[in-house]
N, C-alpha and C. Protein backbone atom coordinates (compact mmCIF):
# COMPACT_ATOMS: atom_id res chain seq x y z
N UNK A 1 14.91 23.38 52.88
CA UNK A 1 14.61 22.03 52.45
C UNK A 1 15.75 21.10 52.81
N UNK A 2 15.38 19.87 53.08
CA UNK A 2 16.41 18.89 53.41
C UNK A 2 17.05 18.37 52.14
N UNK A 3 18.20 17.81 52.29
CA UNK A 3 18.93 17.25 51.15
C UNK A 3 18.14 16.11 50.52
N UNK A 4 17.42 15.39 51.34
CA UNK A 4 16.62 14.27 50.86
C UNK A 4 15.51 14.74 49.92
N UNK A 5 14.83 15.83 50.27
CA UNK A 5 13.75 16.38 49.44
C UNK A 5 14.33 16.94 48.15
N UNK A 6 15.44 17.63 48.23
CA UNK A 6 16.08 18.21 47.03
C UNK A 6 16.49 17.08 46.08
N UNK A 7 17.01 15.99 46.61
CA UNK A 7 17.40 14.85 45.78
C UNK A 7 16.18 14.25 45.09
N UNK A 8 15.07 14.14 45.82
CA UNK A 8 13.83 13.61 45.23
C UNK A 8 13.32 14.51 44.11
N UNK A 9 13.31 15.82 44.34
CA UNK A 9 12.84 16.78 43.32
C UNK A 9 13.72 16.69 42.08
N UNK A 10 15.02 16.61 42.27
CA UNK A 10 15.95 16.49 41.14
C UNK A 10 15.71 15.20 40.38
N UNK A 11 15.48 14.11 41.09
CA UNK A 11 15.22 12.82 40.44
C UNK A 11 13.93 12.87 39.64
N UNK A 12 12.89 13.49 40.20
CA UNK A 12 11.62 13.63 39.48
C UNK A 12 11.80 14.49 38.23
N UNK A 13 12.61 15.53 38.35
CA UNK A 13 12.88 16.39 37.19
C UNK A 13 13.59 15.64 36.09
N UNK A 14 14.58 14.83 36.46
CA UNK A 14 15.30 14.02 35.46
C UNK A 14 14.38 12.99 34.82
N UNK A 15 13.52 12.38 35.63
CA UNK A 15 12.57 11.40 35.09
C UNK A 15 11.62 12.06 34.11
N UNK A 16 11.12 13.24 34.44
CA UNK A 16 10.22 13.97 33.54
C UNK A 16 10.93 14.34 32.26
N UNK A 17 12.18 14.76 32.36
CA UNK A 17 12.95 15.11 31.16
C UNK A 17 13.17 13.88 30.29
N UNK A 18 13.42 12.73 30.92
CA UNK A 18 13.59 11.48 30.18
C UNK A 18 12.33 11.08 29.45
N UNK A 19 11.17 11.25 30.10
CA UNK A 19 9.89 10.94 29.45
C UNK A 19 9.64 11.86 28.28
N UNK A 20 9.97 13.13 28.43
CA UNK A 20 9.77 14.09 27.34
C UNK A 20 10.66 13.73 26.16
N UNK A 21 11.90 13.34 26.44
CA UNK A 21 12.82 12.93 25.38
C UNK A 21 12.31 11.67 24.69
N UNK A 22 11.84 10.70 25.44
CA UNK A 22 11.32 9.46 24.87
C UNK A 22 10.07 9.74 24.03
N UNK A 23 9.21 10.62 24.51
CA UNK A 23 8.00 10.96 23.75
C UNK A 23 8.36 11.65 22.45
N UNK A 24 9.38 12.49 22.48
CA UNK A 24 9.80 13.18 21.26
C UNK A 24 10.40 12.20 20.26
N UNK A 25 11.01 11.11 20.74
CA UNK A 25 11.64 10.14 19.85
C UNK A 25 10.62 9.23 19.17
N UNK A 26 9.44 9.05 19.73
CA UNK A 26 8.44 8.15 19.16
C UNK A 26 8.01 8.54 17.76
N UNK A 27 7.70 9.83 17.49
CA UNK A 27 7.29 10.15 16.12
C UNK A 27 8.36 9.84 15.09
N UNK A 28 9.64 10.01 15.42
CA UNK A 28 10.70 9.70 14.46
C UNK A 28 10.71 8.21 14.15
N UNK A 29 10.49 7.38 15.15
CA UNK A 29 10.45 5.94 14.93
C UNK A 29 9.22 5.57 14.12
N UNK A 30 8.08 6.16 14.45
CA UNK A 30 6.84 5.86 13.74
C UNK A 30 6.93 6.31 12.29
N UNK A 31 7.66 7.38 12.01
CA UNK A 31 7.76 7.89 10.65
C UNK A 31 8.51 6.93 9.73
N UNK A 32 9.33 6.05 10.29
CA UNK A 32 10.08 5.11 9.48
C UNK A 32 9.18 4.07 8.83
N UNK A 33 8.05 3.74 9.45
CA UNK A 33 7.10 2.78 8.90
C UNK A 33 6.00 3.54 8.16
N UNK A 34 5.61 3.10 6.97
CA UNK A 34 4.53 3.79 6.28
C UNK A 34 3.21 3.63 7.04
N UNK A 35 2.48 4.70 7.14
CA UNK A 35 1.20 4.69 7.83
C UNK A 35 0.14 4.15 6.89
N UNK A 36 -0.56 3.10 7.28
CA UNK A 36 -1.61 2.50 6.46
C UNK A 36 -2.95 2.88 7.08
N UNK A 37 -3.79 3.56 6.29
CA UNK A 37 -5.10 3.98 6.76
C UNK A 37 -6.07 2.82 6.70
N UNK A 38 -6.98 2.78 7.65
CA UNK A 38 -7.99 1.72 7.66
C UNK A 38 -8.98 1.98 6.53
N UNK A 39 -9.20 0.96 5.74
CA UNK A 39 -10.09 1.07 4.60
C UNK A 39 -10.67 -0.31 4.33
N UNK A 40 -11.89 -0.36 3.80
CA UNK A 40 -12.45 -1.66 3.43
C UNK A 40 -11.85 -2.19 2.12
N UNK A 41 -11.04 -1.38 1.46
CA UNK A 41 -10.42 -1.79 0.20
C UNK A 41 -9.05 -2.38 0.50
N UNK A 42 -8.80 -3.56 -0.04
CA UNK A 42 -7.56 -4.26 0.23
C UNK A 42 -7.14 -5.06 -1.01
N UNK A 43 -6.02 -5.73 -0.90
CA UNK A 43 -5.59 -6.60 -1.99
C UNK A 43 -6.18 -7.98 -1.83
N UNK A 44 -6.58 -8.56 -2.95
CA UNK A 44 -6.95 -9.97 -3.00
C UNK A 44 -5.74 -10.71 -3.54
N UNK A 45 -5.96 -11.62 -4.46
CA UNK A 45 -4.87 -12.39 -5.05
C UNK A 45 -4.00 -11.49 -5.93
N UNK A 46 -2.72 -11.83 -5.98
CA UNK A 46 -1.77 -11.12 -6.85
C UNK A 46 -1.03 -12.17 -7.67
N UNK A 47 -1.06 -12.01 -8.99
CA UNK A 47 -0.33 -12.89 -9.90
C UNK A 47 0.83 -12.08 -10.47
N UNK A 48 1.97 -12.08 -9.76
CA UNK A 48 3.11 -11.26 -10.18
C UNK A 48 4.01 -11.98 -11.18
N UNK A 49 3.90 -13.29 -11.29
CA UNK A 49 4.69 -14.07 -12.23
C UNK A 49 3.74 -14.73 -13.20
N UNK A 50 3.57 -14.13 -14.38
CA UNK A 50 2.62 -14.70 -15.33
C UNK A 50 3.07 -16.09 -15.74
N UNK A 51 2.13 -17.02 -15.86
CA UNK A 51 2.47 -18.40 -16.22
C UNK A 51 3.12 -18.47 -17.60
N UNK A 52 4.00 -19.42 -17.78
CA UNK A 52 4.65 -19.60 -19.07
C UNK A 52 5.87 -18.72 -19.24
N UNK A 53 6.26 -18.56 -20.51
CA UNK A 53 7.43 -17.77 -20.84
C UNK A 53 7.13 -16.28 -20.75
N UNK A 54 8.07 -15.51 -20.21
CA UNK A 54 7.92 -14.05 -20.18
C UNK A 54 8.35 -13.50 -21.54
N UNK A 55 7.42 -13.49 -22.48
CA UNK A 55 7.76 -13.07 -23.85
C UNK A 55 7.17 -11.70 -24.21
N UNK A 56 6.61 -11.01 -23.24
CA UNK A 56 6.01 -9.67 -23.42
C UNK A 56 4.83 -9.66 -24.39
N UNK A 57 4.24 -10.82 -24.65
CA UNK A 57 3.03 -10.84 -25.47
C UNK A 57 1.89 -10.28 -24.62
N UNK A 58 0.83 -9.82 -25.24
CA UNK A 58 -0.31 -9.29 -24.48
C UNK A 58 -0.91 -10.37 -23.60
N UNK A 59 -0.91 -11.59 -24.08
CA UNK A 59 -1.44 -12.69 -23.26
C UNK A 59 -0.61 -12.85 -21.98
N UNK A 60 0.70 -12.82 -22.12
CA UNK A 60 1.58 -12.95 -20.96
C UNK A 60 1.49 -11.73 -20.05
N UNK A 61 1.48 -10.54 -20.62
CA UNK A 61 1.39 -9.31 -19.82
C UNK A 61 0.07 -9.26 -19.05
N UNK A 62 -1.01 -9.67 -19.66
CA UNK A 62 -2.32 -9.63 -19.00
C UNK A 62 -2.51 -10.76 -18.00
N UNK A 63 -1.60 -11.74 -18.02
CA UNK A 63 -1.63 -12.80 -17.01
C UNK A 63 -0.90 -12.36 -15.74
N UNK A 64 -0.35 -11.15 -15.75
CA UNK A 64 0.24 -10.53 -14.57
C UNK A 64 -0.80 -9.52 -14.07
N UNK A 65 -1.30 -9.70 -12.83
CA UNK A 65 -2.37 -8.85 -12.35
C UNK A 65 -2.41 -8.76 -10.83
N UNK A 66 -3.12 -7.75 -10.37
CA UNK A 66 -3.37 -7.54 -8.95
C UNK A 66 -4.87 -7.40 -8.77
N UNK A 67 -5.42 -8.05 -7.76
CA UNK A 67 -6.84 -7.93 -7.46
C UNK A 67 -7.03 -6.94 -6.31
N UNK A 68 -7.90 -5.96 -6.54
CA UNK A 68 -8.26 -4.98 -5.51
C UNK A 68 -9.70 -5.30 -5.11
N UNK A 69 -9.94 -5.48 -3.81
CA UNK A 69 -11.22 -5.95 -3.31
C UNK A 69 -11.81 -4.98 -2.29
N UNK A 70 -13.11 -4.71 -2.44
CA UNK A 70 -13.86 -3.92 -1.46
C UNK A 70 -14.54 -4.92 -0.52
N UNK A 71 -14.13 -4.94 0.74
CA UNK A 71 -14.65 -5.92 1.70
C UNK A 71 -15.91 -5.42 2.41
N UNK A 72 -16.33 -4.19 2.16
CA UNK A 72 -17.51 -3.66 2.84
C UNK A 72 -18.77 -3.87 2.01
N UNK A 73 -19.91 -3.51 2.60
CA UNK A 73 -21.19 -3.60 1.88
C UNK A 73 -21.42 -2.36 1.02
N UNK A 74 -20.72 -1.27 1.34
CA UNK A 74 -20.92 0.00 0.63
C UNK A 74 -19.94 0.13 -0.53
N UNK A 75 -20.37 0.83 -1.57
CA UNK A 75 -19.52 1.08 -2.73
C UNK A 75 -18.41 2.07 -2.36
N UNK A 76 -17.28 1.94 -3.05
CA UNK A 76 -16.15 2.84 -2.86
C UNK A 76 -15.75 3.39 -4.23
N UNK A 77 -15.60 4.71 -4.32
CA UNK A 77 -15.17 5.35 -5.56
C UNK A 77 -13.65 5.33 -5.61
N UNK A 78 -13.07 4.64 -6.59
CA UNK A 78 -11.62 4.53 -6.70
C UNK A 78 -11.01 5.61 -7.60
N UNK A 79 -11.80 6.56 -8.06
CA UNK A 79 -11.28 7.60 -8.95
C UNK A 79 -10.13 8.35 -8.26
N UNK A 80 -8.98 8.38 -8.94
CA UNK A 80 -7.80 9.06 -8.42
C UNK A 80 -6.92 8.20 -7.53
N UNK A 81 -7.34 6.96 -7.21
CA UNK A 81 -6.52 6.06 -6.42
C UNK A 81 -5.38 5.55 -7.31
N UNK A 82 -4.27 5.16 -6.70
CA UNK A 82 -3.13 4.67 -7.47
C UNK A 82 -2.65 3.32 -6.96
N UNK A 83 -2.09 2.55 -7.88
CA UNK A 83 -1.47 1.27 -7.60
C UNK A 83 -0.05 1.37 -8.14
N UNK A 84 0.94 1.12 -7.28
CA UNK A 84 2.33 1.25 -7.73
C UNK A 84 3.19 0.12 -7.20
N UNK A 85 4.36 -0.04 -7.83
CA UNK A 85 5.34 -1.03 -7.39
C UNK A 85 6.52 -0.29 -6.75
N UNK A 86 7.53 -1.04 -6.35
CA UNK A 86 8.71 -0.45 -5.71
C UNK A 86 9.46 0.51 -6.63
N UNK A 87 9.38 0.28 -7.93
CA UNK A 87 10.07 1.14 -8.91
C UNK A 87 9.22 2.34 -9.32
N UNK A 88 8.10 2.52 -8.67
CA UNK A 88 7.19 3.65 -8.90
C UNK A 88 6.49 3.62 -10.25
N UNK A 89 6.29 2.43 -10.83
CA UNK A 89 5.40 2.31 -11.98
C UNK A 89 4.00 2.46 -11.41
N UNK A 90 3.27 3.47 -11.84
CA UNK A 90 2.00 3.81 -11.19
C UNK A 90 0.84 3.74 -12.17
N UNK A 91 -0.21 3.11 -11.71
CA UNK A 91 -1.49 3.08 -12.44
C UNK A 91 -2.48 3.92 -11.64
N UNK A 92 -3.20 4.82 -12.32
CA UNK A 92 -4.21 5.65 -11.67
C UNK A 92 -5.59 5.17 -12.11
N UNK A 93 -6.45 4.89 -11.14
CA UNK A 93 -7.81 4.47 -11.45
C UNK A 93 -8.62 5.67 -11.94
N UNK A 94 -9.42 5.44 -12.96
CA UNK A 94 -10.31 6.46 -13.51
C UNK A 94 -11.74 6.00 -13.28
N UNK A 95 -12.64 6.86 -13.05
CA UNK A 95 -14.09 6.58 -12.98
C UNK A 95 -14.45 5.12 -12.71
N UNK A 96 -13.96 4.57 -11.60
CA UNK A 96 -14.30 3.20 -11.24
C UNK A 96 -14.91 3.19 -9.85
N UNK A 97 -16.15 2.75 -9.79
CA UNK A 97 -16.85 2.62 -8.51
C UNK A 97 -16.92 1.14 -8.20
N UNK A 98 -16.29 0.75 -7.10
CA UNK A 98 -16.23 -0.66 -6.71
C UNK A 98 -17.37 -0.93 -5.74
N UNK A 99 -18.34 -1.73 -6.19
CA UNK A 99 -19.50 -2.05 -5.35
C UNK A 99 -19.06 -2.86 -4.13
N UNK A 100 -19.95 -2.94 -3.16
CA UNK A 100 -19.67 -3.73 -1.96
C UNK A 100 -19.37 -5.17 -2.29
N UNK A 101 -18.37 -5.74 -1.65
CA UNK A 101 -17.95 -7.13 -1.84
C UNK A 101 -17.61 -7.44 -3.30
N UNK A 102 -17.08 -6.46 -4.00
CA UNK A 102 -16.70 -6.64 -5.40
C UNK A 102 -15.19 -6.48 -5.53
N UNK A 103 -14.63 -7.12 -6.56
CA UNK A 103 -13.20 -7.02 -6.84
C UNK A 103 -12.99 -6.57 -8.27
N UNK A 104 -11.82 -6.00 -8.51
CA UNK A 104 -11.40 -5.63 -9.86
C UNK A 104 -9.96 -6.12 -10.03
N UNK A 105 -9.67 -6.67 -11.20
CA UNK A 105 -8.31 -7.09 -11.50
C UNK A 105 -7.64 -6.01 -12.33
N UNK A 106 -6.44 -5.65 -11.92
CA UNK A 106 -5.64 -4.66 -12.65
C UNK A 106 -4.57 -5.44 -13.41
N UNK A 107 -4.75 -5.56 -14.74
CA UNK A 107 -3.84 -6.30 -15.60
C UNK A 107 -2.74 -5.36 -16.09
N UNK A 108 -1.57 -5.92 -16.33
CA UNK A 108 -0.43 -5.11 -16.77
C UNK A 108 -0.56 -4.67 -18.22
N UNK A 109 -1.02 -5.53 -19.09
CA UNK A 109 -1.01 -5.27 -20.53
C UNK A 109 -2.13 -4.37 -21.02
N UNK A 110 -2.41 -4.51 -22.30
CA UNK A 110 -3.40 -3.67 -23.00
C UNK A 110 -4.71 -4.44 -23.11
N UNK A 111 -5.82 -3.73 -22.89
CA UNK A 111 -7.13 -4.35 -23.00
C UNK A 111 -8.21 -3.31 -22.85
N UNK A 112 -9.45 -3.76 -22.87
CA UNK A 112 -10.60 -2.87 -22.74
C UNK A 112 -11.12 -2.96 -21.30
N UNK A 113 -11.16 -1.81 -20.61
CA UNK A 113 -11.60 -1.77 -19.22
C UNK A 113 -13.07 -2.14 -19.09
N UNK A 114 -13.36 -2.91 -18.04
CA UNK A 114 -14.73 -3.25 -17.67
C UNK A 114 -14.87 -2.99 -16.18
N UNK A 115 -16.00 -3.32 -15.61
CA UNK A 115 -16.18 -3.16 -14.17
C UNK A 115 -15.39 -4.17 -13.35
N UNK A 116 -14.96 -5.26 -13.96
CA UNK A 116 -14.23 -6.33 -13.27
C UNK A 116 -12.75 -6.41 -13.63
N UNK A 117 -12.38 -5.83 -14.78
CA UNK A 117 -10.99 -5.88 -15.25
C UNK A 117 -10.60 -4.52 -15.82
N UNK A 118 -9.45 -4.02 -15.38
CA UNK A 118 -8.89 -2.80 -15.95
C UNK A 118 -7.47 -3.10 -16.39
N UNK A 119 -6.95 -2.30 -17.31
CA UNK A 119 -5.65 -2.57 -17.92
C UNK A 119 -4.74 -1.36 -17.80
N UNK A 120 -3.47 -1.64 -17.48
CA UNK A 120 -2.49 -0.57 -17.32
C UNK A 120 -1.98 -0.08 -18.66
N UNK A 121 -2.24 -0.83 -19.73
CA UNK A 121 -1.82 -0.49 -21.09
C UNK A 121 -0.31 -0.37 -21.23
N UNK A 122 0.40 -1.31 -20.61
CA UNK A 122 1.86 -1.33 -20.68
C UNK A 122 2.33 -2.42 -21.65
N UNK A 123 3.52 -2.24 -22.19
CA UNK A 123 4.12 -3.22 -23.08
C UNK A 123 5.32 -3.92 -22.41
N UNK A 124 5.42 -3.74 -21.09
CA UNK A 124 6.48 -4.39 -20.33
C UNK A 124 5.93 -4.79 -18.96
N UNK A 125 6.55 -5.75 -18.32
CA UNK A 125 6.10 -6.24 -17.02
C UNK A 125 6.31 -5.17 -15.94
N UNK A 126 5.49 -5.23 -14.90
CA UNK A 126 5.59 -4.30 -13.78
C UNK A 126 6.15 -5.00 -12.56
N UNK A 127 5.59 -6.14 -12.21
CA UNK A 127 5.91 -6.80 -10.94
C UNK A 127 7.13 -7.69 -11.09
N UNK A 128 8.09 -7.51 -10.20
CA UNK A 128 9.31 -8.33 -10.20
C UNK A 128 9.00 -9.69 -9.58
N UNK A 129 9.35 -10.75 -10.30
CA UNK A 129 9.06 -12.10 -9.83
C UNK A 129 9.83 -12.46 -8.57
N UNK A 130 11.04 -11.93 -8.41
CA UNK A 130 11.88 -12.32 -7.26
C UNK A 130 11.64 -11.46 -6.03
N UNK A 131 10.81 -10.44 -6.12
CA UNK A 131 10.48 -9.62 -4.96
C UNK A 131 10.03 -8.23 -5.35
N UNK A 132 8.95 -7.79 -4.76
CA UNK A 132 8.40 -6.46 -5.06
C UNK A 132 7.39 -6.11 -3.97
N UNK A 133 6.84 -4.91 -4.07
CA UNK A 133 5.80 -4.47 -3.16
C UNK A 133 4.72 -3.76 -3.96
N UNK A 134 3.48 -4.20 -3.80
CA UNK A 134 2.33 -3.52 -4.40
C UNK A 134 1.79 -2.55 -3.35
N UNK A 135 1.58 -1.30 -3.74
CA UNK A 135 1.06 -0.29 -2.81
C UNK A 135 -0.16 0.37 -3.43
N UNK A 136 -1.24 0.39 -2.67
CA UNK A 136 -2.48 1.03 -3.09
C UNK A 136 -2.67 2.29 -2.26
N UNK A 137 -2.86 3.42 -2.93
CA UNK A 137 -3.07 4.71 -2.25
C UNK A 137 -4.41 5.29 -2.67
N UNK A 138 -5.07 5.97 -1.73
CA UNK A 138 -6.34 6.61 -2.06
C UNK A 138 -6.07 7.94 -2.77
N UNK A 139 -7.13 8.68 -3.08
CA UNK A 139 -6.97 9.92 -3.84
C UNK A 139 -6.34 11.05 -3.02
N UNK A 140 -6.03 10.80 -1.75
CA UNK A 140 -5.30 11.76 -0.91
C UNK A 140 -3.87 11.28 -0.67
N UNK A 141 -3.44 10.25 -1.40
CA UNK A 141 -2.11 9.64 -1.31
C UNK A 141 -1.84 8.91 0.00
N UNK A 142 -2.90 8.57 0.75
CA UNK A 142 -2.75 7.76 1.95
C UNK A 142 -2.59 6.30 1.53
N UNK A 143 -1.67 5.59 2.15
CA UNK A 143 -1.50 4.17 1.86
C UNK A 143 -2.68 3.41 2.45
N UNK A 144 -3.39 2.71 1.59
CA UNK A 144 -4.56 1.95 1.99
C UNK A 144 -4.19 0.47 2.18
N UNK A 145 -3.33 -0.03 1.31
CA UNK A 145 -2.89 -1.42 1.39
C UNK A 145 -1.50 -1.54 0.79
N UNK A 146 -0.74 -2.47 1.33
CA UNK A 146 0.59 -2.77 0.80
C UNK A 146 0.85 -4.25 0.99
N UNK A 147 1.42 -4.88 -0.02
CA UNK A 147 1.75 -6.31 0.08
C UNK A 147 3.09 -6.54 -0.62
N UNK A 148 3.98 -7.25 0.07
CA UNK A 148 5.30 -7.57 -0.46
C UNK A 148 5.45 -9.07 -0.65
N UNK A 149 6.37 -9.45 -1.52
CA UNK A 149 6.71 -10.85 -1.71
C UNK A 149 8.18 -10.94 -2.09
N UNK A 150 8.74 -12.13 -1.91
CA UNK A 150 10.12 -12.39 -2.29
C UNK A 150 11.14 -11.66 -1.45
N UNK A 151 12.31 -11.42 -2.05
CA UNK A 151 13.40 -10.72 -1.35
C UNK A 151 13.11 -9.25 -1.23
N UNK A 152 13.56 -8.68 -0.10
CA UNK A 152 13.31 -7.24 0.12
C UNK A 152 14.56 -6.45 -0.11
């Protein structure tokens, strides 16, 4: 073989090795970002700063809420799904079937669950007014929706 052909083969080998190294690096980069699964369930409005004084009254606690919305025509069973904040305060949905194009509000305080409103039954606030992240996970712990506000 000529020196020219050997140089070309070596260059192709180095290029292939570089591509293999770059391909191996992609999963590590992708792992740094949370994987969000496609779902018709998403966040609607979020009221993280209840109006008025933060006095931990049930009225004030229940004025802090997150809306979870089903954007599809088909019903979605939310049993076992979780809603959490950055500090890992977690609410688990029980026996709630969200009809197509329907929403449910998840209130922080104590109350009686209905098809449109559910309550975390907490006596303290969950969402930080100056910055937080709401994360919705399905019953397999896949991130379905995430929304942040304020400082990170």
